[in-house]
PDB file of N, CA and C in Angstrom:
ATOM      1  N   MET A   1     -21.680 -43.221 -55.725  1.00  0.00           N
ATOM      2  CA  MET A   1     -22.963 -42.617 -56.035  1.00  0.00           C
ATOM      3  C   MET A   1     -23.605 -42.119 -54.748  1.00  0.00           C
ATOM      4  N   ARG A   2     -24.075 -40.895 -54.766  1.00  0.00           N
ATOM      5  CA  ARG A   2     -24.692 -40.299 -53.592  1.00  0.00           C
ATOM      6  C   ARG A   2     -26.208 -40.448 -53.680  1.00  0.00           C
ATOM      7  N   ASP A   3     -26.799 -40.856 -52.567  1.00  0.00           N
ATOM      8  CA  ASP A   3     -28.250 -41.037 -52.503  1.00  0.00           C
ATOM      9  C   ASP A   3     -28.847 -40.037 -51.529  1.00  0.00           C
ATOM     10  N   ILE A   4     -30.065 -39.618 -51.814  1.00  0.00           N
ATOM     11  CA  ILE A   4     -30.777 -38.692 -50.929  1.00  0.00           C
ATOM     12  C   ILE A   4     -31.369 -39.488 -49.773  1.00  0.00           C
ATOM     13  N   ILE A   5     -31.143 -38.987 -48.554  1.00  0.00           N
ATOM     14  CA  ILE A   5     -31.711 -39.616 -47.361  1.00  0.00           C
ATOM     15  C   ILE A   5     -32.484 -38.562 -46.586  1.00  0.00           C
ATOM     16  N   HIS A   6     -33.375 -39.002 -45.708  1.00  0.00           N
ATOM     17  CA  HIS A   6     -34.151 -38.103 -44.874  1.00  0.00           C
ATOM     18  C   HIS A   6     -33.772 -38.319 -43.421  1.00  0.00           C
ATOM     19  N   LEU A   7     -33.774 -37.220 -42.665  1.00  0.00           N
ATOM     20  CA  LEU A   7     -33.451 -37.281 -41.245  1.00  0.00           C
ATOM     21  C   LEU A   7     -34.713 -37.015 -40.440  1.00  0.00           C
ATOM     22  N   ALA A   8     -35.012 -37.890 -39.479  1.00  0.00           N
ATOM     23  CA  ALA A   8     -36.214 -37.769 -38.656  1.00  0.00           C
ATOM     24  C   ALA A   8     -35.814 -37.481 -37.216  1.00  0.00           C
ATOM     25  N   CYS A   9     -36.605 -36.675 -36.556  1.00  0.00           N
ATOM     26  CA  CYS A   9     -36.379 -36.322 -35.159  1.00  0.00           C
ATOM     27  C   CYS A   9     -36.582 -37.558 -34.277  1.00  0.00           C
ATOM     28  N   SER A  10     -35.715 -37.722 -33.288  1.00  0.00           N
ATOM     29  CA  SER A  10     -35.829 -38.879 -32.389  1.00  0.00           C
ATOM     30  C   SER A  10     -36.993 -38.735 -31.417  1.00  0.00           C
ATOM     31  N   ASP A  11     -37.381 -37.489 -31.107  1.00  0.00           N
ATOM     32  CA  ASP A  11     -38.465 -37.272 -30.146  1.00  0.00           C
ATOM     33  C   ASP A  11     -39.845 -37.361 -30.796  1.00  0.00           C
ATOM     34  N   CYS A  12     -40.088 -36.552 -31.823  1.00  0.00           N
ATOM     35  CA  CYS A  12     -41.433 -36.505 -32.422  1.00  0.00           C
ATOM     36  C   CYS A  12     -41.564 -37.360 -33.678  1.00  0.00           C
ATOM     37  N   LYS A  13     -40.463 -37.933 -34.184  1.00  0.00           N
ATOM     38  CA  LYS A  13     -40.440 -38.839 -35.350  1.00  0.00           C
ATOM     39  C   LYS A  13     -40.838 -38.181 -36.671  1.00  0.00           C
ATOM     40  N   ARG A  14     -40.785 -36.865 -36.743  1.00  0.00           N
ATOM     41  CA  ARG A  14     -41.115 -36.181 -38.001  1.00  0.00           C
ATOM     42  C   ARG A  14     -39.865 -36.024 -38.858  1.00  0.00           C
ATOM     43  N   LYS A  15     -40.050 -36.118 -40.171  1.00  0.00           N
ATOM     44  CA  LYS A  15     -38.937 -35.965 -41.109  1.00  0.00           C
ATOM     45  C   LYS A  15     -38.749 -34.474 -41.385  1.00  0.00           C
ATOM     46  N   ASN A  16     -37.654 -33.915 -40.884  1.00  0.00           N
ATOM     47  CA  ASN A  16     -37.419 -32.480 -40.971  1.00  0.00           C
ATOM     48  C   ASN A  16     -36.363 -32.092 -42.003  1.00  0.00           C
ATOM     49  N   TYR A  17     -35.381 -32.943 -42.234  1.00  0.00           N
ATOM     50  CA  TYR A  17     -34.249 -32.590 -43.085  1.00  0.00           C
ATOM     51  C   TYR A  17     -34.008 -33.670 -44.126  1.00  0.00           C
ATOM     52  N   SER A  18     -33.405 -33.265 -45.239  1.00  0.00           N
ATOM     53  CA  SER A  18     -32.938 -34.216 -46.237  1.00  0.00           C
ATOM     54  C   SER A  18     -31.497 -33.860 -46.576  1.00  0.00           C
ATOM     55  N   THR A  19     -30.698 -34.864 -46.861  1.00  0.00           N
ATOM     56  CA  THR A  19     -29.298 -34.667 -47.197  1.00  0.00           C
ATOM     57  C   THR A  19     -28.869 -35.826 -48.095  1.00  0.00           C
ATOM     58  N   THR A  20     -27.622 -35.822 -48.498  1.00  0.00           N
ATOM     59  CA  THR A  20     -27.110 -36.902 -49.338  1.00  0.00           C
ATOM     60  C   THR A  20     -25.970 -37.591 -48.605  1.00  0.00           C
ATOM     61  N   LYS A  21     -25.745 -38.849 -48.957  1.00  0.00           N
ATOM     62  CA  LYS A  21     -24.604 -39.575 -48.411  1.00  0.00           C
ATOM     63  C   LYS A  21     -24.109 -40.573 -49.433  1.00  0.00           C
ATOM     64  N   ASN A  22     -22.840 -40.910 -49.323  1.00  0.00           N
ATOM     65  CA  ASN A  22     -22.217 -41.900 -50.182  1.00  0.00           C
ATOM     66  C   ASN A  22     -22.387 -43.260 -49.506  1.00  0.00           C
ATOM     67  N   LYS A  23     -23.191 -44.133 -50.088  1.00  0.00           N
ATOM     68  CA  LYS A  23     -23.501 -45.413 -49.455  1.00  0.00           C
ATOM     69  C   LYS A  23     -22.345 -46.405 -49.498  1.00  0.00           C
ATOM     70  N   LYS A  24     -21.362 -46.173 -50.377  1.00  0.00           N
ATOM     71  CA  LYS A  24     -20.213 -47.077 -50.422  1.00  0.00           C
ATOM     72  C   LYS A  24     -19.265 -46.834 -49.254  1.00  0.00           C
ATOM     73  N   THR A  25     -19.046 -45.569 -48.899  1.00  0.00           N
ATOM     74  CA  THR A  25     -18.092 -45.258 -47.830  1.00  0.00           C
ATOM     75  C   THR A  25     -18.759 -45.176 -46.460  1.00  0.00           C
ATOM     76  N   THR A  26     -20.029 -44.807 -46.410  1.00  0.00           N
ATOM     77  CA  THR A  26     -20.752 -44.687 -45.145  1.00  0.00           C
ATOM     78  C   THR A  26     -21.868 -45.716 -45.140  1.00  0.00           C
ATOM     79  N   THR A  27     -21.611 -46.877 -44.554  1.00  0.00           N
ATOM     80  CA  THR A  27     -22.602 -47.950 -44.586  1.00  0.00           C
ATOM     81  C   THR A  27     -23.579 -47.865 -43.428  1.00  0.00           C
ATOM     82  N   GLY A  28     -23.190 -47.242 -42.323  1.00  0.00           N
ATOM     83  CA  GLY A  28     -24.079 -47.136 -41.165  1.00  0.00           C
ATOM     84  C   GLY A  28     -25.075 -46.006 -41.328  1.00  0.00           C
ATOM     85  N   ARG A  29     -25.971 -45.895 -40.351  1.00  0.00           N
ATOM     86  CA  ARG A  29     -26.970 -44.831 -40.386  1.00  0.00           C
ATOM     87  C   ARG A  29     -26.402 -43.556 -39.791  1.00  0.00           C
ATOM     88  N   LEU A  30     -26.694 -42.433 -40.444  1.00  0.00           N
ATOM     89  CA  LEU A  30     -26.210 -41.145 -39.966  1.00  0.00           C
ATOM     90  C   LEU A  30     -27.056 -40.646 -38.811  1.00  0.00           C
ATOM     91  N   GLU A  31     -26.424 -39.869 -37.938  1.00  0.00           N
ATOM     92  CA  GLU A  31     -27.150 -39.230 -36.843  1.00  0.00           C
ATOM     93  C   GLU A  31     -26.516 -37.868 -36.581  1.00  0.00           C
ATOM     94  N   PHE A  32     -27.335 -36.821 -36.596  1.00  0.00           N
ATOM     95  CA  PHE A  32     -26.883 -35.467 -36.340  1.00  0.00           C
ATOM     96  C   PHE A  32     -27.746 -34.854 -35.252  1.00  0.00           C
ATOM     97  N   LYS A  33     -27.188 -33.920 -34.517  1.00  0.00           N
ATOM     98  CA  LYS A  33     -27.979 -33.162 -33.558  1.00  0.00           C
ATOM     99  C   LYS A  33     -28.386 -31.869 -34.255  1.00  0.00           C
ATOM    100  N   LYS A  34     -29.672 -31.764 -34.594  1.00  0.00           N
ATOM    101  CA  LYS A  34     -30.173 -30.628 -35.351  1.00  0.00           C
ATOM    102  C   LYS A  34     -31.407 -30.045 -34.661  1.00  0.00           C
ATOM    103  N   TYR A  35     -31.799 -28.850 -35.112  1.00  0.00           N
ATOM    104  CA  TYR A  35     -32.944 -28.173 -34.517  1.00  0.00           C
ATOM    105  C   TYR A  35     -34.241 -28.719 -35.103  1.00  0.00           C
ATOM    106  N   CYS A  36     -35.192 -29.047 -34.235  1.00  0.00           N
ATOM    107  CA  CYS A  36     -36.518 -29.496 -34.659  1.00  0.00           C
ATOM    108  C   CYS A  36     -37.499 -28.363 -34.393  1.00  0.00           C
ATOM    109  N   ARG A  37     -38.158 -27.872 -35.423  1.00  0.00           N
ATOM    110  CA  ARG A  37     -39.070 -26.748 -35.241  1.00  0.00           C
ATOM    111  C   ARG A  37     -40.361 -27.164 -34.554  1.00  0.00           C
ATOM    112  N   PHE A  38     -40.683 -28.442 -34.562  1.00  0.00           N
ATOM    113  CA  PHE A  38     -41.892 -28.914 -33.892  1.00  0.00           C
ATOM    114  C   PHE A  38     -41.660 -29.081 -32.392  1.00  0.00           C
ATOM    115  N   CYS A  39     -40.478 -29.584 -32.019  1.00  0.00           N
ATOM    116  CA  CYS A  39     -40.122 -29.728 -30.597  1.00  0.00           C
ATOM    117  C   CYS A  39     -39.573 -28.421 -30.023  1.00  0.00           C
ATOM    118  N   ARG A  40     -39.129 -27.519 -30.902  1.00  0.00           N
ATOM    119  CA  ARG A  40     -38.520 -26.241 -30.544  1.00  0.00           C
ATOM    120  C   ARG A  40     -37.256 -26.402 -29.702  1.00  0.00           C
ATOM    121  N   LYS A  41     -36.433 -27.385 -30.051  1.00  0.00           N
ATOM    122  CA  LYS A  41     -35.152 -27.590 -29.385  1.00  0.00           C
ATOM    123  C   LYS A  41     -34.253 -28.438 -30.276  1.00  0.00           C
ATOM    124  N   HIS A  42     -32.987 -28.516 -29.912  1.00  0.00           N
ATOM    125  CA  HIS A  42     -32.036 -29.359 -30.634  1.00  0.00           C
ATOM    126  C   HIS A  42     -32.190 -30.799 -30.151  1.00  0.00           C
ATOM    127  N   THR A  43     -32.414 -31.710 -31.093  1.00  0.00           N
ATOM    128  CA  THR A  43     -32.606 -33.124 -30.775  1.00  0.00           C
ATOM    129  C   THR A  43     -31.800 -33.956 -31.759  1.00  0.00           C
ATOM    130  N   PRO A  44     -31.481 -35.198 -31.410  1.00  0.00           N
ATOM    131  CA  PRO A  44     -30.804 -36.081 -32.375  1.00  0.00           C
ATOM    132  C   PRO A  44     -31.748 -36.434 -33.530  1.00  0.00           C
ATOM    133  N   HIS A  45     -31.248 -36.309 -34.748  1.00  0.00           N
ATOM    134  CA  HIS A  45     -31.994 -36.686 -35.943  1.00  0.00           C
ATOM    135  C   HIS A  45     -31.291 -37.879 -36.577  1.00  0.00           C
ATOM    136  N   LYS A  46     -32.032 -38.954 -36.815  1.00  0.00           N
ATOM    137  CA  LYS A  46     -31.468 -40.170 -37.382  1.00  0.00           C
ATOM    138  C   LYS A  46     -31.943 -40.383 -38.799  1.00  0.00           C
ATOM    139  N   GLU A  47     -31.148 -41.109 -39.558  1.00  0.00           N
ATOM    140  CA  GLU A  47     -31.479 -41.430 -40.949  1.00  0.00           C
ATOM    141  C   GLU A  47     -32.647 -42.406 -40.991  1.00  0.00           C
ATOM    142  N   THR A  48     -33.586 -42.146 -41.901  1.00  0.00           N
ATOM    143  CA  THR A  48     -34.727 -43.032 -42.095  1.00  0.00           C
ATOM    144  C   THR A  48     -34.657 -43.663 -43.477  1.00  0.00           C
ATOM    145  N   LYS A  49     -35.524 -44.628 -43.732  1.00  0.00           N
ATOM    146  CA  LYS A  49     -35.539 -45.299 -45.031  1.00  0.00           C
ATOM    147  C   LYS A  49     -36.165 -44.424 -46.083  1.00  0.00           C
TER     148      LYS A  49
END
């Protein structure tokens, strides 16, 4: 079963993206390097609750 998760910027802590993940196969927290429009640069985005 895939659940919707939100990705927050590591610098400004704003939730910018949402995506889905399979919680059975991916138990850890996701982290992607994505563009933050508030910081105006590419920053690591981590999964939030």
